[in-house]
Amino acid sequence: MKRLKASAGFSFLCTLCVCASTARGCFGQSNQTVILTIKVQPAAKLAASTGGSAATSPQPGSSINNGRIVAVNNSPAAGSWTESNGLYPIVGASVVLGPEQSLSPVVWTFDISESDHTHAGTMVAMERPKLSRNLKGTGRELTIVSGTGAYLGVQGTISQSTDQTTAIQVESRDFSQLTFSASLMPATLPVIASVAGGPAITHADFSLVTASQPAAPGEVLTAYATDLMPELESPPVNGGSSVSSMTGLPISVSVGERNARVLYAGPYPGTTNGYQINFQIPENTPSGITMMRALSGFIPSPSVQLSVR
């Protein structure tokens, strides 16, 4: 479905998006924490066993463990996870190692995609200075040092808590799933816009979805949002109209506990940091008030109320 044309009835969106951009500039980093639970199916365990005797350490930068991402927050996902033992070339990472950190740190790289392989972004986390390694893999926590895509500018930590022997001990060859918990403070948080009548979600005729004009199961609606992706600091490429235009990040919508079909997600014409999402209400959505949210690369917006008849 093509994007809807701007109309006089929605001229408020220009003002709204400018205000949202201004507020984001005032507050800087998003002050809300987002938790991503990442499930990984290990593919290989390459390091030598520590067994009671000294083991040969992998060369700096070499992979000692890797796997396939299978789910994020219980939603099917794709991508890869790599654990490296060594000084890793991280572009843009502001990490300074002192003499006491001369030993090669552990580095985790998460390259995350939707289940259809639409790329969401990459996060790289590094072992914190003086943090003792737990060879059993219980409670390891690494600090995020760089990100791309939906995770550009993100701050936070990623931890692994499992009873299974991981990475450094390989004799058991147990390839059970690993669980990682990423506690993130995104640079920006997607937000469904609000107007005087409620959330900026409209029918095809641009009238607001309200309690007196509820949505119908199966109906195609349009939601208006800000901050669907981090704002890039580099200038537009090849004459692009906006540095914050959509560049293929996966956008999804949940209505209640159901995933809605997204028909279009992209910039709203004539606005700064304004986006529209055309989505279809699931046919089996029950009547009444339900909660709706948009997700960009698995980063969710705050939920808003949606009336369904």
C-alpha atoms as a PDB file:
ATOM      1  CA  MET A   1       0.000   0.000   0.000  1.00  0.00           C
ATOM      2  CA  LYS A   2       1.265   3.447  -0.882  1.00  0.00           C
ATOM      3  CA  ARG A   3       1.693   6.107   1.750  1.00  0.00           C
ATOM      4  CA  LEU A   4      -1.324   8.307   2.419  1.00  0.00           C
ATOM      5  CA  LYS A   5      -1.201  11.873   1.203  1.00  0.00           C
ATOM      6  CA  ALA A   6      -0.992  14.705   3.673  1.00  0.00           C
ATOM      7  CA  SER A   7      -4.226  16.542   4.332  1.00  0.00           C
ATOM      8  CA  ALA A   8      -5.258  19.783   5.962  1.00  0.00           C
ATOM      9  CA  GLY A   9      -6.921  17.782   8.714  1.00  0.00           C
ATOM     10  CA  PHE A  10      -3.517  16.500   9.759  1.00  0.00           C
ATOM     11  CA  SER A  11      -1.428  19.614   9.417  1.00  0.00           C
ATOM     12  CA  PHE A  12      -0.876  19.338  13.192  1.00  0.00           C
ATOM     13  CA  LEU A  13       1.595  16.534  12.526  1.00  0.00           C
ATOM     14  CA  CYS A  14       4.244  18.972  11.324  1.00  0.00           C
ATOM     15  CA  THR A  15       4.055  20.878  14.613  1.00  0.00           C
ATOM     16  CA  LEU A  16       3.879  17.669  16.629  1.00  0.00           C
ATOM     17  CA  CYS A  17       6.971  16.156  15.028  1.00  0.00           C
ATOM     18  CA  VAL A  18       8.977  19.351  15.441  1.00  0.00           C
ATOM     19  CA  CYS A  19       8.029  19.429  19.136  1.00  0.00           C
ATOM     20  CA  ALA A  20       9.010  15.796  19.539  1.00  0.00           C
ATOM     21  CA  SER A  21      12.390  16.472  17.970  1.00  0.00           C
ATOM     22  CA  THR A  22      12.890  19.456  20.263  1.00  0.00           C
ATOM     23  CA  ALA A  23      11.987  17.403  23.344  1.00  0.00           C
ATOM     24  CA  ARG A  24      14.395  14.679  22.327  1.00  0.00           C
ATOM     25  CA  GLY A  25      17.119  17.279  21.934  1.00  0.00           C
ATOM     26  CA  CYS A  26      16.399  18.614  25.441  1.00  0.00           C
ATOM     27  CA  PHE A  27      16.488  15.207  27.099  1.00  0.00           C
ATOM     28  CA  GLY A  28      19.285  13.645  25.007  1.00  0.00           C
ATOM     29  CA  GLN A  29      19.543   9.893  25.585  1.00  0.00           C
ATOM     30  CA  SER A  30      16.212   8.179  26.154  1.00  0.00           C
ATOM     31  CA  ASN A  31      15.664   7.765  29.901  1.00  0.00           C
ATOM     32  CA  GLN A  32      13.666   4.567  29.537  1.00  0.00           C
ATOM     33  CA  THR A  33      15.207   1.123  29.858  1.00  0.00           C
ATOM     34  CA  VAL A  34      14.298  -1.569  27.345  1.00  0.00           C
ATOM     35  CA  ILE A  35      14.961  -5.251  28.011  1.00  0.00           C
ATOM     36  CA  LEU A  36      15.701  -7.571  25.079  1.00  0.00           C
ATOM     37  CA  THR A  37      15.865 -11.296  25.808  1.00  0.00           C
ATOM     38  CA  ILE A  38      17.942 -12.876  23.053  1.00  0.00           C
ATOM     39  CA  LYS A  39      17.920 -16.638  22.448  1.00  0.00           C
ATOM     40  CA  VAL A  40      20.946 -18.137  20.688  1.00  0.00           C
ATOM     41  CA  GLN A  41      21.471 -21.624  19.293  1.00  0.00           C
ATOM     42  CA  PRO A  42      25.224 -22.326  19.603  1.00  0.00           C
ATOM     43  CA  ALA A  43      26.818 -23.450  16.356  1.00  0.00           C
ATOM     44  CA  ALA A  44      30.378 -24.188  17.459  1.00  0.00           C
ATOM     45  CA  LYS A  45      32.565 -24.176  20.529  1.00  0.00           C
ATOM     46  CA  LEU A  46      36.146 -23.698  19.489  1.00  0.00           C
ATOM     47  CA  ALA A  47      38.230 -22.926  22.570  1.00  0.00           C
ATOM     48  CA  ALA A  48      40.374 -25.483  24.341  1.00  0.00           C
ATOM     49  CA  SER A  49      39.118 -27.049  27.555  1.00  0.00           C
ATOM     50  CA  THR A  50      40.454 -25.553  30.758  1.00  0.00           C
ATOM     51  CA  GLY A  51      40.200 -28.982  32.490  1.00  0.00           C
ATOM     52  CA  GLY A  52      42.461 -28.423  35.597  1.00  0.00           C
ATOM     53  CA  SER A  53      45.513 -27.654  33.504  1.00  0.00           C
ATOM     54  CA  ALA A  54      46.538 -24.569  31.606  1.00  0.00           C
ATOM     55  CA  ALA A  55      44.929 -24.361  28.180  1.00  0.00           C
ATOM     56  CA  THR A  56      46.230 -22.661  25.107  1.00  0.00           C
ATOM     57  CA  SER A  57      44.548 -19.261  24.742  1.00  0.00           C
ATOM     58  CA  PRO A  58      43.017 -18.333  21.394  1.00  0.00           C
ATOM     59  CA  GLN A  59      44.802 -15.640  19.442  1.00  0.00           C
ATOM     60  CA  PRO A  60      43.522 -12.089  20.083  1.00  0.00           C
ATOM     61  CA  GLY A  61      40.525 -11.339  17.887  1.00  0.00           C
ATOM     62  CA  SER A  62      39.734 -15.000  17.225  1.00  0.00           C
ATOM     63  CA  SER A  63      36.258 -16.432  17.677  1.00  0.00           C
ATOM     64  CA  ILE A  64      35.905 -18.854  20.569  1.00  0.00           C
ATOM     65  CA  ASN A  65      32.144 -19.322  20.340  1.00  0.00           C
ATOM     66  CA  ASN A  66      29.363 -18.443  17.947  1.00  0.00           C
ATOM     67  CA  GLY A  67      25.745 -19.193  17.271  1.00  0.00           C
ATOM     68  CA  ARG A  68      22.518 -18.396  15.475  1.00  0.00           C
ATOM     69  CA  ILE A  69      19.963 -15.972  16.952  1.00  0.00           C
ATOM     70  CA  VAL A  70      16.547 -17.652  17.016  1.00  0.00           C
ATOM     71  CA  ALA A  71      14.333 -15.309  19.051  1.00  0.00           C
ATOM     72  CA  VAL A  72      14.166 -11.846  20.593  1.00  0.00           C
ATOM     73  CA  ASN A  73      11.592 -11.278  23.338  1.00  0.00           C
ATOM     74  CA  ASN A  74       9.925 -14.567  22.345  1.00  0.00           C
ATOM     75  CA  SER A  75       9.429 -13.375  18.749  1.00  0.00           C
ATOM     76  CA  PRO A  76      11.143 -15.360  15.960  1.00  0.00           C
ATOM     77  CA  ALA A  77      14.374 -13.677  14.879  1.00  0.00           C
ATOM     78  CA  ALA A  78      17.489 -14.309  12.822  1.00  0.00           C
ATOM     79  CA  GLY A  79      21.098 -13.230  12.840  1.00  0.00           C
ATOM     80  CA  SER A  80      24.286 -14.263  14.559  1.00  0.00           C
ATOM     81  CA  TRP A  81      26.157 -14.065  17.853  1.00  0.00           C
ATOM     82  CA  THR A  82      29.921 -14.266  18.131  1.00  0.00           C
ATOM     83  CA  GLU A  83      32.107 -14.384  21.219  1.00  0.00           C
ATOM     84  CA  SER A  84      35.667 -13.280  20.563  1.00  0.00           C
ATOM     85  CA  ASN A  85      38.663 -13.459  22.828  1.00  0.00           C
ATOM     86  CA  GLY A  86      40.919 -10.594  21.946  1.00  0.00           C
ATOM     87  CA  LEU A  87      41.353  -6.962  21.121  1.00  0.00           C
ATOM     88  CA  TYR A  88      38.502  -6.423  18.743  1.00  0.00           C
ATOM     89  CA  PRO A  89      38.537  -3.617  16.143  1.00  0.00           C
ATOM     90  CA  ILE A  90      35.413  -1.724  17.198  1.00  0.00           C
ATOM     91  CA  VAL A  91      34.633   1.332  15.127  1.00  0.00           C
ATOM     92  CA  GLY A  92      33.581   4.290  17.252  1.00  0.00           C
ATOM     93  CA  ALA A  93      33.978   2.522  20.594  1.00  0.00           C
ATOM     94  CA  SER A  94      35.155   4.864  23.360  1.00  0.00           C
ATOM     95  CA  VAL A  95      37.057   2.250  25.358  1.00  0.00           C
ATOM     96  CA  VAL A  96      40.477   2.972  26.844  1.00  0.00           C
ATOM     97  CA  LEU A  97      42.355  -0.015  28.265  1.00  0.00           C
ATOM     98  CA  GLY A  98      44.930   0.584  30.969  1.00  0.00           C
ATOM     99  CA  PRO A  99      47.937  -1.619  31.775  1.00  0.00           C
ATOM    100  CA  GLU A 100      45.822  -3.814  34.051  1.00  0.00           C
ATOM    101  CA  GLN A 101      43.575  -4.643  31.055  1.00  0.00           C
ATOM    102  CA  SER A 102      46.385  -5.814  28.805  1.00  0.00           C
ATOM    103  CA  LEU A 103      44.879  -9.305  28.716  1.00  0.00           C
ATOM    104  CA  SER A 104      42.471  -9.771  25.829  1.00  0.00           C
ATOM    105  CA  PRO A 105      38.895  -8.952  26.838  1.00  0.00           C
ATOM    106  CA  VAL A 106      35.858 -11.007  25.868  1.00  0.00           C
ATOM    107  CA  VAL A 107      33.749  -9.370  23.139  1.00  0.00           C
ATOM    108  CA  TRP A 108      30.177 -10.302  22.178  1.00  0.00           C
ATOM    109  CA  THR A 109      28.777  -9.255  18.800  1.00  0.00           C
ATOM    110  CA  PHE A 110      25.033  -9.560  18.178  1.00  0.00           C
ATOM    111  CA  ASP A 111      23.934  -9.068  14.554  1.00  0.00           C
ATOM    112  CA  ILE A 112      20.130  -9.062  14.817  1.00  0.00           C
ATOM    113  CA  SER A 113      17.495  -9.439  12.089  1.00  0.00           C
ATOM    114  CA  GLU A 114      13.778 -10.133  11.928  1.00  0.00           C
ATOM    115  CA  SER A 115      12.746 -13.670  11.059  1.00  0.00           C
ATOM    116  CA  ASP A 116      12.434 -12.602   7.403  1.00  0.00           C
ATOM    117  CA  HIS A 117      16.109 -11.479   7.601  1.00  0.00           C
ATOM    118  CA  THR A 118      15.320  -7.754   7.517  1.00  0.00           C
ATOM    119  CA  HIS A 119      18.342  -6.352   9.318  1.00  0.00           C
ATOM    120  CA  ALA A 120      17.651  -4.559  12.619  1.00  0.00           C
ATOM    121  CA  GLY A 121      21.200  -3.684  13.659  1.00  0.00           C
ATOM    122  CA  THR A 122      24.304  -4.774  15.489  1.00  0.00           C
ATOM    123  CA  MET A 123      25.391  -4.461  19.119  1.00  0.00           C
ATOM    124  CA  VAL A 124      28.943  -5.010  20.352  1.00  0.00           C
ATOM    125  CA  ALA A 125      29.620  -5.529  24.060  1.00  0.00           C
ATOM    126  CA  MET A 126      33.010  -5.785  25.780  1.00  0.00           C
ATOM    127  CA  GLU A 127      34.162  -7.218  29.071  1.00  0.00           C
ATOM    128  CA  ARG A 128      34.415  -4.469  31.645  1.00  0.00           C
ATOM    129  CA  PRO A 129      37.815  -3.656  33.188  1.00  0.00           C
ATOM    130  CA  LYS A 130      38.807  -5.899  36.089  1.00  0.00           C
ATOM    131  CA  LEU A 131      35.613  -7.948  35.763  1.00  0.00           C
ATOM    132  CA  SER A 132      36.553 -11.508  36.640  1.00  0.00           C
ATOM    133  CA  ARG A 133      35.394 -14.079  34.140  1.00  0.00           C
ATOM    134  CA  ASN A 134      33.076 -16.797  35.304  1.00  0.00           C
ATOM    135  CA  LEU A 135      34.012 -19.829  33.219  1.00  0.00           C
ATOM    136  CA  LYS A 136      30.693 -21.491  33.977  1.00  0.00           C
ATOM    137  CA  GLY A 137      28.858 -18.621  32.261  1.00  0.00           C
ATOM    138  CA  THR A 138      26.720 -17.707  35.281  1.00  0.00           C
ATOM    139  CA  GLY A 139      26.119 -13.998  35.569  1.00  0.00           C
ATOM    140  CA  ARG A 140      28.623 -12.663  33.032  1.00  0.00           C
ATOM    141  CA  GLU A 141      27.843  -9.052  32.152  1.00  0.00           C
ATOM    142  CA  LEU A 142      29.453  -7.055  29.336  1.00  0.00           C
ATOM    143  CA  THR A 143      29.127  -3.355  28.554  1.00  0.00           C
ATOM    144  CA  ILE A 144      27.744  -2.245  25.195  1.00  0.00           C
ATOM    145  CA  VAL A 145      30.390  -0.169  23.407  1.00  0.00           C
ATOM    146  CA  SER A 146      28.909   0.361  19.946  1.00  0.00           C
ATOM    147  CA  GLY A 147      25.780  -0.213  17.877  1.00  0.00           C
ATOM    148  CA  THR A 148      24.351   0.240  14.403  1.00  0.00           C
ATOM    149  CA  GLY A 149      20.877   0.437  12.892  1.00  0.00           C
ATOM    150  CA  ALA A 150      18.134   0.418  15.540  1.00  0.00           C
ATOM    151  CA  TYR A 151      20.881   0.181  18.191  1.00  0.00           C
ATOM    152  CA  LEU A 152      22.876   3.217  17.066  1.00  0.00           C
ATOM    153  CA  GLY A 153      23.906   5.185  20.151  1.00  0.00           C
ATOM    154  CA  VAL A 154      22.438   2.651  22.566  1.00  0.00           C
ATOM    155  CA  GLN A 155      23.875   2.392  26.092  1.00  0.00           C
ATOM    156  CA  GLY A 156      23.625  -0.481  28.554  1.00  0.00           C
ATOM    157  CA  THR A 157      24.792  -3.976  29.344  1.00  0.00           C
ATOM    158  CA  ILE A 158      24.255  -7.527  28.101  1.00  0.00           C
ATOM    159  CA  SER A 159      24.381 -10.427  30.517  1.00  0.00           C
ATOM    160  CA  GLN A 160      24.268 -14.194  30.232  1.00  0.00           C
ATOM    161  CA  SER A 161      22.884 -16.364  32.986  1.00  0.00           C
ATOM    162  CA  THR A 162      22.847 -20.100  32.410  1.00  0.00           C
ATOM    163  CA  ASP A 163      23.671 -23.267  34.299  1.00  0.00           C
ATOM    164  CA  GLN A 164      25.341 -24.732  31.233  1.00  0.00           C
ATOM    165  CA  THR A 165      29.069 -24.714  30.576  1.00  0.00           C
ATOM    166  CA  THR A 166      29.762 -22.295  27.744  1.00  0.00           C
ATOM    167  CA  ALA A 167      32.480 -20.993  25.432  1.00  0.00           C
ATOM    168  CA  ILE A 168      35.602 -21.937  27.360  1.00  0.00           C
ATOM    169  CA  GLN A 169      34.666 -25.501  28.331  1.00  0.00           C
ATOM    170  CA  VAL A 170      33.861 -27.630  25.313  1.00  0.00           C
ATOM    171  CA  GLU A 171      34.265 -31.264  26.267  1.00  0.00           C
ATOM    172  CA  SER A 172      30.529 -31.709  26.938  1.00  0.00           C
ATOM    173  CA  ARG A 173      29.619 -30.366  23.468  1.00  0.00           C
ATOM    174  CA  ASP A 174      26.232 -29.294  24.826  1.00  0.00           C
ATOM    175  CA  PHE A 175      24.611 -27.114  22.158  1.00  0.00           C
ATOM    176  CA  SER A 176      21.496 -26.147  24.157  1.00  0.00           C
ATOM    177  CA  GLN A 177      20.163 -22.631  23.672  1.00  0.00           C
ATOM    178  CA  LEU A 178      21.862 -19.743  25.416  1.00  0.00           C
ATOM    179  CA  THR A 179      19.880 -16.844  26.859  1.00  0.00           C
ATOM    180  CA  PHE A 180      21.169 -13.271  26.952  1.00  0.00           C
ATOM    181  CA  SER A 181      19.464 -10.292  28.565  1.00  0.00           C
ATOM    182  CA  ALA A 182      20.221  -6.879  27.096  1.00  0.00           C
ATOM    183  CA  SER A 183      19.358  -3.932  29.342  1.00  0.00           C
ATOM    184  CA  LEU A 184      19.310  -0.995  26.928  1.00  0.00           C
ATOM    185  CA  MET A 185      18.874   2.742  27.085  1.00  0.00           C
ATOM    186  CA  PRO A 186      18.205   3.600  23.416  1.00  0.00           C
ATOM    187  CA  ALA A 187      19.319   6.874  21.889  1.00  0.00           C
ATOM    188  CA  THR A 188      15.690   7.367  20.881  1.00  0.00           C
ATOM    189  CA  LEU A 189      12.495   5.527  21.747  1.00  0.00           C
ATOM    190  CA  PRO A 190       9.685   5.077  19.178  1.00  0.00           C
ATOM    191  CA  VAL A 191       6.581   7.026  20.185  1.00  0.00           C
ATOM    192  CA  ILE A 192       3.025   6.875  18.805  1.00  0.00           C
ATOM    193  CA  ALA A 193       2.036  10.526  18.448  1.00  0.00           C
ATOM    194  CA  SER A 194      -0.769  11.955  20.580  1.00  0.00           C
ATOM    195  CA  VAL A 195      -3.331  14.605  19.697  1.00  0.00           C
ATOM    196  CA  ALA A 196      -6.237  16.196  21.542  1.00  0.00           C
ATOM    197  CA  GLY A 197      -8.548  13.281  20.729  1.00  0.00           C
ATOM    198  CA  GLY A 198      -6.093  10.573  21.772  1.00  0.00           C
ATOM    199  CA  PRO A 199      -3.406   8.594  19.939  1.00  0.00           C
ATOM    200  CA  ALA A 200      -2.756   9.752  16.356  1.00  0.00           C
ATOM    201  CA  ILE A 201      -4.265   6.656  14.742  1.00  0.00           C
ATOM    202  CA  THR A 202      -6.691   7.195  11.885  1.00  0.00           C
ATOM    203  CA  HIS A 203      -9.158   5.474   9.625  1.00  0.00           C
ATOM    204  CA  ALA A 204      -8.689   5.635   5.831  1.00  0.00           C
ATOM    205  CA  ASP A 205     -10.695   8.927   5.746  1.00  0.00           C
ATOM    206  CA  PHE A 206      -8.229  10.517   8.219  1.00  0.00           C
ATOM    207  CA  SER A 207     -10.775  10.535  11.063  1.00  0.00           C
ATOM    208  CA  LEU A 208      -9.315   9.569  14.428  1.00  0.00           C
ATOM    209  CA  VAL A 209      -9.914   6.148  15.914  1.00  0.00           C
ATOM    210  CA  THR A 210     -11.843   6.881  19.118  1.00  0.00           C
ATOM    211  CA  ALA A 211     -14.320   5.157  21.425  1.00  0.00           C
ATOM    212  CA  SER A 212     -17.134   6.645  19.358  1.00  0.00           C
ATOM    213  CA  GLN A 213     -15.398   5.740  16.067  1.00  0.00           C
ATOM    214  CA  PRO A 214     -13.661   2.461  16.888  1.00  0.00           C
ATOM    215  CA  ALA A 215     -11.589   0.364  14.509  1.00  0.00           C
ATOM    216  CA  ALA A 216     -12.957  -2.834  13.040  1.00  0.00           C
ATOM    217  CA  PRO A 217     -11.136  -6.174  12.971  1.00  0.00           C
ATOM    218  CA  GLY A 218      -9.420  -6.459   9.584  1.00  0.00           C
ATOM    219  CA  GLU A 219      -9.487  -2.689   8.993  1.00  0.00           C
ATOM    220  CA  VAL A 220      -6.377  -0.909   7.701  1.00  0.00           C
ATOM    221  CA  LEU A 221      -5.373   1.986   9.950  1.00  0.00           C
ATOM    222  CA  THR A 222      -2.589   4.562   9.918  1.00  0.00           C
ATOM    223  CA  ALA A 223      -0.546   5.375  13.004  1.00  0.00           C
ATOM    224  CA  TYR A 224       1.687   8.436  13.162  1.00  0.00           C
ATOM    225  CA  ALA A 225       4.926   8.188  15.114  1.00  0.00           C
ATOM    226  CA  THR A 226       8.233   9.828  15.895  1.00  0.00           C
ATOM    227  CA  ASP A 227      11.716   8.401  16.527  1.00  0.00           C
ATOM    228  CA  LEU A 228      11.220   5.133  14.668  1.00  0.00           C
ATOM    229  CA  MET A 229      14.985   5.048  14.224  1.00  0.00           C
ATOM    230  CA  PRO A 230      17.996   6.795  15.746  1.00  0.00           C
ATOM    231  CA  GLU A 231      18.890  10.071  14.053  1.00  0.00           C
ATOM    232  CA  LEU A 232      22.093   9.718  12.098  1.00  0.00           C
ATOM    233  CA  GLU A 233      24.848  12.230  12.737  1.00  0.00           C
ATOM    234  CA  SER A 234      26.214  12.069   9.199  1.00  0.00           C
ATOM    235  CA  PRO A 235      24.842  14.280   6.380  1.00  0.00           C
ATOM    236  CA  PRO A 236      22.377  12.892   3.821  1.00  0.00           C
ATOM    237  CA  VAL A 237      23.880  10.512   1.279  1.00  0.00           C
ATOM    238  CA  ASN A 238      23.327  11.039  -2.466  1.00  0.00           C
ATOM    239  CA  GLY A 239      21.084  14.034  -1.929  1.00  0.00           C
ATOM    240  CA  GLY A 240      18.778  12.309   0.550  1.00  0.00           C
ATOM    241  CA  SER A 241      16.027  14.550   1.898  1.00  0.00           C
ATOM    242  CA  SER A 242      16.531  13.706   5.562  1.00  0.00           C
ATOM    243  CA  VAL A 243      19.258  12.191   7.707  1.00  0.00           C
ATOM    244  CA  SER A 244      16.593  10.410   9.743  1.00  0.00           C
ATOM    245  CA  SER A 245      14.678   8.864   6.838  1.00  0.00           C
ATOM    246  CA  MET A 246      13.863   5.167   6.977  1.00  0.00           C
ATOM    247  CA  THR A 247      16.675   2.944   5.762  1.00  0.00           C
ATOM    248  CA  GLY A 248      15.007  -0.451   5.891  1.00  0.00           C
ATOM    249  CA  LEU A 249      14.763  -1.055   9.644  1.00  0.00           C
ATOM    250  CA  PRO A 250      12.155  -3.693  10.505  1.00  0.00           C
ATOM    251  CA  ILE A 251       8.981  -2.035  11.822  1.00  0.00           C
ATOM    252  CA  SER A 252       6.271  -4.131  13.443  1.00  0.00           C
ATOM    253  CA  VAL A 253       2.993  -3.449  15.254  1.00  0.00           C
ATOM    254  CA  SER A 254       1.362  -5.419  18.039  1.00  0.00           C
ATOM    255  CA  VAL A 255      -2.344  -5.095  18.855  1.00  0.00           C
ATOM    256  CA  GLY A 256      -3.023  -6.713  22.198  1.00  0.00           C
ATOM    257  CA  GLU A 257      -1.087  -9.970  22.105  1.00  0.00           C
ATOM    258  CA  ARG A 258      -1.372 -10.247  18.307  1.00  0.00           C
ATOM    259  CA  ASN A 259       0.981  -9.133  15.552  1.00  0.00           C
ATOM    260  CA  ALA A 260      -0.624  -6.809  13.014  1.00  0.00           C
ATOM    261  CA  ARG A 261       0.236  -6.881   9.329  1.00  0.00           C
ATOM    262  CA  VAL A 262       2.345  -3.838   8.430  1.00  0.00           C
ATOM    263  CA  LEU A 263       1.665  -2.598   4.899  1.00  0.00           C
ATOM    264  CA  TYR A 264       3.892   0.472   4.895  1.00  0.00           C
ATOM    265  CA  ALA A 265       6.239   2.230   7.309  1.00  0.00           C
ATOM    266  CA  GLY A 266       8.145   5.330   6.308  1.00  0.00           C
ATOM    267  CA  PRO A 267       8.506   9.113   6.512  1.00  0.00           C
ATOM    268  CA  TYR A 268       5.374  11.260   6.650  1.00  0.00           C
ATOM    269  CA  PRO A 269       5.555  13.880   3.874  1.00  0.00           C
ATOM    270  CA  GLY A 270       6.424  17.411   4.938  1.00  0.00           C
ATOM    271  CA  THR A 271       7.497  16.596   8.498  1.00  0.00           C
ATOM    272  CA  THR A 272      10.737  16.367  10.427  1.00  0.00           C
ATOM    273  CA  ASN A 273      11.138  13.099  12.342  1.00  0.00           C
ATOM    274  CA  GLY A 274       7.569  12.169  11.453  1.00  0.00           C
ATOM    275  CA  TYR A 275       6.609   8.685  10.270  1.00  0.00           C
ATOM    276  CA  GLN A 276       3.457   6.862   9.345  1.00  0.00           C
ATOM    277  CA  ILE A 277       2.682   3.183   9.690  1.00  0.00           C
ATOM    278  CA  ASN A 278      -0.142   1.589   7.723  1.00  0.00           C
ATOM    279  CA  PHE A 279      -1.212  -1.603   9.462  1.00  0.00           C
ATOM    280  CA  GLN A 280      -4.127  -4.036   9.443  1.00  0.00           C
ATOM    281  CA  ILE A 281      -5.983  -4.909  12.633  1.00  0.00           C
ATOM    282  CA  PRO A 282      -5.898  -8.705  13.131  1.00  0.00           C
ATOM    283  CA  GLU A 283      -9.220 -10.312  12.233  1.00  0.00           C
ATOM    284  CA  ASN A 284      -9.549 -12.032  15.606  1.00  0.00           C
ATOM    285  CA  THR A 285      -9.007  -8.901  17.714  1.00  0.00           C
ATOM    286  CA  PRO A 286     -11.669  -8.822  20.459  1.00  0.00           C
ATOM    287  CA  SER A 287     -13.919  -5.799  20.882  1.00  0.00           C
ATOM    288  CA  GLY A 288     -13.195  -3.206  23.520  1.00  0.00           C
ATOM    289  CA  ILE A 289     -10.078  -1.290  24.534  1.00  0.00           C
ATOM    290  CA  THR A 290      -6.814  -2.980  23.608  1.00  0.00           C
ATOM    291  CA  MET A 291      -3.211  -1.875  23.832  1.00  0.00           C
ATOM    292  CA  MET A 292      -1.203  -1.138  20.689  1.00  0.00           C
ATOM    293  CA  ARG A 293       2.485  -0.388  20.186  1.00  0.00           C
ATOM    294  CA  ALA A 294       5.028  -0.074  17.382  1.00  0.00           C
ATOM    295  CA  LEU A 295       8.452  -1.718  17.433  1.00  0.00           C
ATOM    296  CA  SER A 296      11.587  -0.681  15.561  1.00  0.00           C
ATOM    297  CA  GLY A 297      14.228  -3.396  15.498  1.00  0.00           C
ATOM    298  CA  PHE A 298      12.536  -4.989  18.549  1.00  0.00           C
ATOM    299  CA  ILE A 299      12.694  -1.646  20.430  1.00  0.00           C
ATOM    300  CA  PRO A 300       9.071  -1.022  21.536  1.00  0.00           C
ATOM    301  CA  SER A 301       7.183   2.230  21.821  1.00  0.00           C
ATOM    302  CA  PRO A 302       5.103   2.958  24.921  1.00  0.00           C
ATOM    303  CA  SER A 303       1.698   1.296  24.531  1.00  0.00           C
ATOM    304  CA  VAL A 304      -1.373   3.355  23.616  1.00  0.00           C
ATOM    305  CA  GLN A 305      -5.053   2.490  23.841  1.00  0.00           C
ATOM    306  CA  LEU A 306      -6.931   1.452  20.700  1.00  0.00           C
ATOM    307  CA  SER A 307     -10.735   1.100  20.552  1.00  0.00           C
ATOM    308  CA  VAL A 308     -12.018  -1.896  18.577  1.00  0.00           C
ATOM    309  CA  ARG A 309     -15.667  -2.606  17.872  1.00  0.00           C
END
